[in-house]
Amino acid sequence: MSEVFSLLFWPAVACLVLTGIHAYLGLHVVERGVIFVDLSLAQVAALGTTIAFLAGFELHDRGAYFFSLGFTLLGAGLFSLMRIRKGRIPQEAFIGIVYAVSAAAAILMMDRLPEGAEHIKHLMVGNLLAVSSQEVTKIAFLYGLIGLLHWLCRKPFLIISTRPEEAFRQGYQIRLWDFLFYATFGFMVTLSVPIAGVLLVFSYLIIPSVTAMLFSERIGVRLAIGWAMGTGVSLLGIYGSYKLDTPTGATIVCTFGLVLAFLAVARLFIGRFWLRSRF
């Protein structure tokens, strides 16, 4: 039992840290309607890492990280410029285009590498079980800084995400605030993806927020539901991965899907019961 505890403790703590920042940022992403922005920024970051590897850097050294972060900030700048007030083309379309082009470019480059397939697999599923206490401490500190910045800037971030027309009327510099949002978001992605992989990062970001929207319209309540769901699913998924001897990241993602389906059905029945009792 002690061996199991030592094996799963830090991955579990990492999942809880991921839940804290992703559930909050997921509220903004869902409200903005840019659901696939994390996939797109993750792919842009992966393109930067691939270019760094081709340039002679190791995948996990500082040089590769700064390449990845630089490309992510470039993507953040593009996304902030793509917001058009009452535009005919939705911002999500541009985000999808960036994702597709970045993915295609990365595949073309990885095709030249002998370990290209392994690199793609690592990008998708991460390496959660191999996370160390030092890595968890580092990302917890950096996520804390991101959270502090968002708390200090919570008014413009929230009004731009939830009431963009009101933000325009009040004279907010929308593109400047968007760049700050996407830059901090991209910084978070470059830290999360190497540990958890693209699929798990996407799940932490979107599924708790979507679930919370089923039960409440208040931001504070949604955040509490998202944190509670992320924590419970993380622990359940890690335990299930151990008992079933399955990949940890994929198991947590599937657990998210099952819990969302269960809660959606429960919400449907709760709604019907409430209507019957009221009328």
Protein backbone atom coordinates (compact mmCIF):
# COMPACT_ATOMS: atom_id res chain seq x y z
CA MET A 1 0.00 0.00 0.00
CA SER A 2 2.83 2.42 0.80
CA GLU A 3 4.32 1.82 -2.67
CA VAL A 4 0.97 2.62 -4.30
CA PHE A 5 0.64 5.77 -2.20
CA SER A 6 4.13 6.95 -3.15
CA LEU A 7 3.43 6.22 -6.82
CA LEU A 8 0.09 8.03 -7.02
CA PHE A 9 0.52 10.83 -4.48
CA TRP A 10 2.27 13.43 -6.64
CA PRO A 11 0.21 12.68 -9.77
CA ALA A 12 -2.89 13.19 -7.61
CA VAL A 13 -1.56 16.48 -6.26
CA ALA A 14 -0.70 17.57 -9.82
CA CYS A 15 -4.28 16.86 -10.89
CA LEU A 16 -5.64 18.95 -8.03
CA VAL A 17 -3.34 21.83 -9.00
CA LEU A 18 -4.48 21.53 -12.61
CA THR A 19 -8.10 21.59 -11.45
CA GLY A 20 -7.61 24.84 -9.58
CA ILE A 21 -6.49 26.95 -12.54
CA HIS A 22 -8.26 25.12 -15.36
CA ALA A 23 -11.73 25.22 -13.81
CA TYR A 24 -11.43 29.00 -13.48
CA LEU A 25 -10.04 29.64 -16.97
CA GLY A 26 -12.62 27.23 -18.38
CA LEU A 27 -15.39 29.58 -17.24
CA HIS A 28 -13.92 32.34 -19.42
CA VAL A 29 -13.32 30.02 -22.37
CA VAL A 30 -16.90 28.70 -22.38
CA GLU A 31 -18.38 32.19 -21.94
CA ARG A 32 -16.26 33.53 -24.80
CA GLY A 33 -17.27 30.64 -27.05
CA VAL A 34 -13.65 29.78 -27.89
CA ILE A 35 -13.92 26.16 -26.82
CA PHE A 36 -10.91 24.87 -28.72
CA VAL A 37 -8.49 27.66 -27.89
CA ASP A 38 -6.46 25.44 -25.56
CA LEU A 39 -6.07 22.78 -28.27
CA SER A 40 -4.97 25.43 -30.72
CA LEU A 41 -2.48 27.06 -28.34
CA ALA A 42 -1.20 23.64 -27.29
CA GLN A 43 -0.59 22.79 -30.92
CA VAL A 44 1.17 26.10 -31.51
CA ALA A 45 3.34 25.36 -28.47
CA ALA A 46 4.06 21.87 -29.82
CA LEU A 47 5.12 23.40 -33.13
CA GLY A 48 7.58 25.62 -31.27
CA THR A 49 8.94 22.62 -29.36
CA THR A 50 9.35 20.65 -32.58
CA ILE A 51 11.25 23.49 -34.23
CA ALA A 52 13.47 23.75 -31.15
CA PHE A 53 14.19 20.01 -31.34
CA LEU A 54 15.10 20.30 -34.99
CA ALA A 55 17.39 23.21 -34.05
CA GLY A 56 19.31 20.92 -31.70
CA PHE A 57 17.66 21.50 -28.32
CA GLU A 58 16.50 18.66 -26.07
CA LEU A 59 12.73 18.36 -25.72
CA HIS A 60 12.62 19.22 -22.02
CA ASP A 61 15.39 21.78 -21.63
CA ARG A 62 14.98 25.53 -21.25
CA GLY A 63 15.72 26.30 -24.87
CA ALA A 64 12.83 24.15 -26.09
CA TYR A 65 10.55 25.65 -23.44
CA PHE A 66 11.28 29.22 -24.50
CA PHE A 67 10.74 28.28 -28.15
CA SER A 68 7.38 26.82 -27.13
CA LEU A 69 6.45 29.84 -25.02
CA GLY A 70 7.46 32.24 -27.79
CA PHE A 71 5.22 30.50 -30.31
CA THR A 72 2.40 30.45 -27.76
CA LEU A 73 2.67 34.20 -27.20
CA LEU A 74 2.60 34.66 -30.97
CA GLY A 75 -0.62 32.64 -31.05
CA ALA A 76 -2.02 34.76 -28.21
CA GLY A 77 -1.31 37.88 -30.23
CA LEU A 78 -3.08 36.44 -33.26
CA PHE A 79 -6.16 35.46 -31.26
CA SER A 80 -6.41 38.90 -29.66
CA LEU A 81 -6.33 40.50 -33.12
CA MET A 82 -8.96 38.11 -34.45
CA ARG A 83 -11.75 39.37 -32.19
CA ILE A 84 -13.99 41.46 -34.42
CA ARG A 85 -17.03 43.23 -33.03
CA LYS A 86 -20.12 41.82 -34.77
CA GLY A 87 -17.87 40.16 -37.32
CA ARG A 88 -19.31 37.83 -39.95
CA ILE A 89 -16.67 35.19 -39.21
CA PRO A 90 -16.68 33.76 -35.65
CA GLN A 91 -13.40 33.82 -33.74
CA GLU A 92 -13.63 30.05 -33.27
CA ALA A 93 -13.16 29.63 -37.04
CA PHE A 94 -9.81 31.44 -36.90
CA ILE A 95 -8.80 29.37 -33.88
CA GLY A 96 -9.57 26.19 -35.79
CA ILE A 97 -7.51 27.35 -38.75
CA VAL A 98 -4.52 28.10 -36.51
CA TYR A 99 -4.86 24.65 -34.96
CA ALA A 100 -5.05 22.85 -38.31
CA VAL A 101 -2.11 24.70 -39.86
CA SER A 102 0.06 24.31 -36.74
CA ALA A 103 -0.76 20.60 -36.51
CA ALA A 104 0.03 20.04 -40.18
CA ALA A 105 3.32 21.93 -39.91
CA ALA A 106 4.31 19.97 -36.79
CA ILE A 107 3.48 16.65 -38.49
CA LEU A 108 5.58 17.56 -41.51
CA MET A 109 8.52 18.30 -39.23
CA MET A 110 8.01 15.26 -37.00
CA ASP A 111 7.96 13.08 -40.09
CA ARG A 112 11.66 13.85 -40.42
CA LEU A 113 12.39 12.68 -36.87
CA PRO A 114 12.99 9.01 -36.03
CA GLU A 115 11.00 9.41 -32.80
CA GLY A 116 8.24 11.55 -34.30
CA ALA A 117 5.41 9.15 -33.42
CA GLU A 118 6.55 8.98 -29.80
CA HIS A 119 6.63 12.77 -29.63
CA ILE A 120 3.03 12.98 -30.89
CA LYS A 121 1.92 10.36 -28.35
CA HIS A 122 3.60 12.25 -25.50
CA LEU A 123 1.87 15.46 -26.61
CA MET A 124 -1.56 13.81 -26.52
CA VAL A 125 -1.34 11.86 -23.23
CA GLY A 126 1.49 13.55 -21.32
CA ASN A 127 3.44 11.73 -18.63
CA LEU A 128 1.39 12.22 -15.49
CA LEU A 129 2.74 9.30 -13.48
CA ALA A 130 6.31 10.51 -13.91
CA VAL A 131 5.63 13.96 -12.41
CA SER A 132 7.94 14.85 -9.53
CA SER A 133 7.42 16.87 -6.38
CA GLN A 134 9.66 19.60 -7.81
CA GLU A 135 7.53 19.88 -10.96
CA VAL A 136 4.30 20.01 -8.96
CA THR A 137 5.71 22.69 -6.65
CA LYS A 138 6.89 24.73 -9.63
CA ILE A 139 3.60 24.65 -11.51
CA ALA A 140 1.63 25.32 -8.32
CA PHE A 141 3.71 28.46 -7.72
CA LEU A 142 3.41 29.65 -11.34
CA TYR A 143 -0.31 28.89 -11.48
CA GLY A 144 -0.66 30.85 -8.26
CA LEU A 145 0.91 33.87 -9.96
CA ILE A 146 -1.49 33.49 -12.90
CA GLY A 147 -4.41 33.23 -10.49
CA LEU A 148 -3.26 36.34 -8.62
CA LEU A 149 -3.01 38.31 -11.87
CA HIS A 150 -6.50 37.22 -12.90
CA TRP A 151 -7.88 38.14 -9.48
CA LEU A 152 -6.34 41.62 -9.72
CA CYS A 153 -7.74 42.00 -13.25
CA ARG A 154 -10.99 40.13 -12.58
CA LYS A 155 -13.32 43.02 -13.48
CA PRO A 156 -12.14 43.57 -17.08
CA PHE A 157 -11.64 39.84 -17.69
CA LEU A 158 -15.14 38.96 -16.49
CA ILE A 159 -16.97 41.75 -18.27
CA ILE A 160 -15.16 41.04 -21.56
CA SER A 161 -15.92 37.32 -21.26
CA THR A 162 -19.54 37.56 -20.13
CA ARG A 163 -20.73 40.94 -21.50
CA PRO A 164 -18.49 41.91 -24.44
CA GLU A 165 -20.89 44.54 -25.81
CA GLU A 166 -20.95 46.26 -22.43
CA ALA A 167 -17.14 46.17 -22.38
CA PHE A 168 -17.06 47.87 -25.78
CA ARG A 169 -19.48 50.55 -24.57
CA GLN A 170 -17.39 51.22 -21.46
CA GLY A 171 -14.31 51.79 -23.60
CA TYR A 172 -12.17 48.85 -22.55
CA GLN A 173 -9.12 48.17 -24.73
CA ILE A 174 -10.50 44.79 -25.76
CA ARG A 175 -7.56 43.58 -27.81
CA LEU A 176 -5.05 44.53 -25.14
CA TRP A 177 -7.02 42.68 -22.45
CA ASP A 178 -7.55 39.75 -24.82
CA PHE A 179 -3.82 39.51 -25.43
CA LEU A 180 -3.17 39.47 -21.67
CA PHE A 181 -5.81 36.77 -21.22
CA TYR A 182 -4.53 34.57 -24.05
CA ALA A 183 -0.90 35.13 -23.04
CA THR A 184 -1.52 33.93 -19.48
CA PHE A 185 -3.68 31.14 -20.84
CA GLY A 186 -0.92 30.09 -23.25
CA PHE A 187 1.67 30.23 -20.46
CA MET A 188 -0.54 27.85 -18.48
CA VAL A 189 -0.89 25.53 -21.47
CA THR A 190 2.87 25.29 -22.03
CA LEU A 191 3.22 24.15 -18.40
CA SER A 192 0.24 21.77 -18.38
CA VAL A 193 0.56 19.87 -21.65
CA PRO A 194 3.97 18.24 -21.01
CA ILE A 195 2.59 16.84 -17.75
CA ALA A 196 -1.02 15.99 -18.55
CA GLY A 197 -1.23 15.95 -22.35
CA VAL A 198 -3.59 17.80 -24.67
CA LEU A 199 -6.66 15.62 -24.05
CA LEU A 200 -6.55 15.86 -20.26
CA VAL A 201 -5.84 19.59 -20.30
CA PHE A 202 -8.85 20.09 -22.59
CA SER A 203 -11.02 17.98 -20.26
CA TYR A 204 -9.98 19.93 -17.14
CA LEU A 205 -10.68 23.17 -18.94
CA ILE A 206 -14.06 22.47 -20.54
CA ILE A 207 -15.93 19.61 -18.83
CA PRO A 208 -16.14 21.06 -15.27
CA SER A 209 -17.30 24.41 -16.67
CA VAL A 210 -19.91 22.85 -18.95
CA THR A 211 -21.15 20.71 -16.05
CA ALA A 212 -21.39 23.73 -13.77
CA MET A 213 -23.47 25.59 -16.37
CA LEU A 214 -26.09 22.84 -16.13
CA PHE A 215 -26.74 23.73 -12.51
CA SER A 216 -26.11 27.44 -12.07
CA GLU A 217 -25.81 30.78 -13.83
CA ARG A 218 -23.75 32.40 -11.06
CA ILE A 219 -20.00 32.56 -11.64
CA GLY A 220 -19.09 31.79 -8.02
CA VAL A 221 -21.33 28.73 -7.87
CA ARG A 222 -20.05 27.51 -11.22
CA LEU A 223 -16.49 27.82 -10.01
CA ALA A 224 -17.27 25.85 -6.84
CA ILE A 225 -18.97 23.10 -8.85
CA GLY A 226 -16.07 22.98 -11.30
CA TRP A 227 -13.50 22.66 -8.53
CA ALA A 228 -15.53 19.98 -6.77
CA MET A 229 -16.02 17.97 -9.96
CA GLY A 230 -12.38 18.28 -11.01
CA THR A 231 -11.17 17.14 -7.61
CA GLY A 232 -13.54 14.18 -7.38
CA VAL A 233 -12.98 13.00 -10.94
CA SER A 234 -9.19 13.32 -10.59
CA LEU A 235 -9.05 11.11 -7.53
CA LEU A 236 -11.57 8.63 -8.95
CA GLY A 237 -9.75 8.46 -12.29
CA ILE A 238 -6.33 7.92 -10.72
CA TYR A 239 -7.69 5.18 -8.49
CA GLY A 240 -9.47 3.57 -11.43
CA SER A 241 -6.29 3.73 -13.49
CA TYR A 242 -4.42 1.89 -10.76
CA LYS A 243 -7.10 -0.79 -10.29
CA LEU A 244 -7.65 -1.36 -14.02
CA ASP A 245 -3.98 -0.93 -15.00
CA THR A 246 -4.85 1.61 -17.69
CA PRO A 247 -3.14 4.85 -18.82
CA THR A 248 -3.79 7.49 -16.18
CA GLY A 249 -4.54 10.48 -18.39
CA ALA A 250 -6.92 8.59 -20.68
CA THR A 251 -8.69 7.06 -17.68
CA ILE A 252 -9.31 10.47 -16.11
CA VAL A 253 -10.63 11.83 -19.43
CA CYS A 254 -13.09 8.92 -19.75
CA THR A 255 -14.11 9.39 -16.12
CA PHE A 256 -14.86 13.05 -16.86
CA GLY A 257 -17.08 11.95 -19.75
CA LEU A 258 -18.97 9.40 -17.65
CA VAL A 259 -19.51 11.81 -14.75
CA LEU A 260 -20.71 14.54 -17.12
CA ALA A 261 -23.20 12.13 -18.72
CA PHE A 262 -24.47 11.02 -15.31
CA LEU A 263 -24.87 14.59 -14.04
CA ALA A 264 -26.58 15.70 -17.26
CA VAL A 265 -29.16 12.91 -16.88
CA ALA A 266 -29.54 13.74 -13.18
CA ARG A 267 -30.08 17.41 -14.06
CA LEU A 268 -32.79 16.40 -16.53
CA PHE A 269 -34.67 14.43 -13.89
CA ILE A 270 -34.15 17.14 -11.27
CA GLY A 271 -35.63 19.69 -13.68
CA ARG A 272 -38.68 17.52 -14.37
CA PHE A 273 -39.24 16.86 -10.66
CA TRP A 274 -38.96 20.56 -9.89
CA LEU A 275 -41.51 21.44 -12.59
CA ARG A 276 -43.96 18.80 -11.38
CA SER A 277 -43.66 19.87 -7.77
CA ARG A 278 -44.14 23.52 -8.71
CA PHE A 279 -47.06 23.11 -11.06
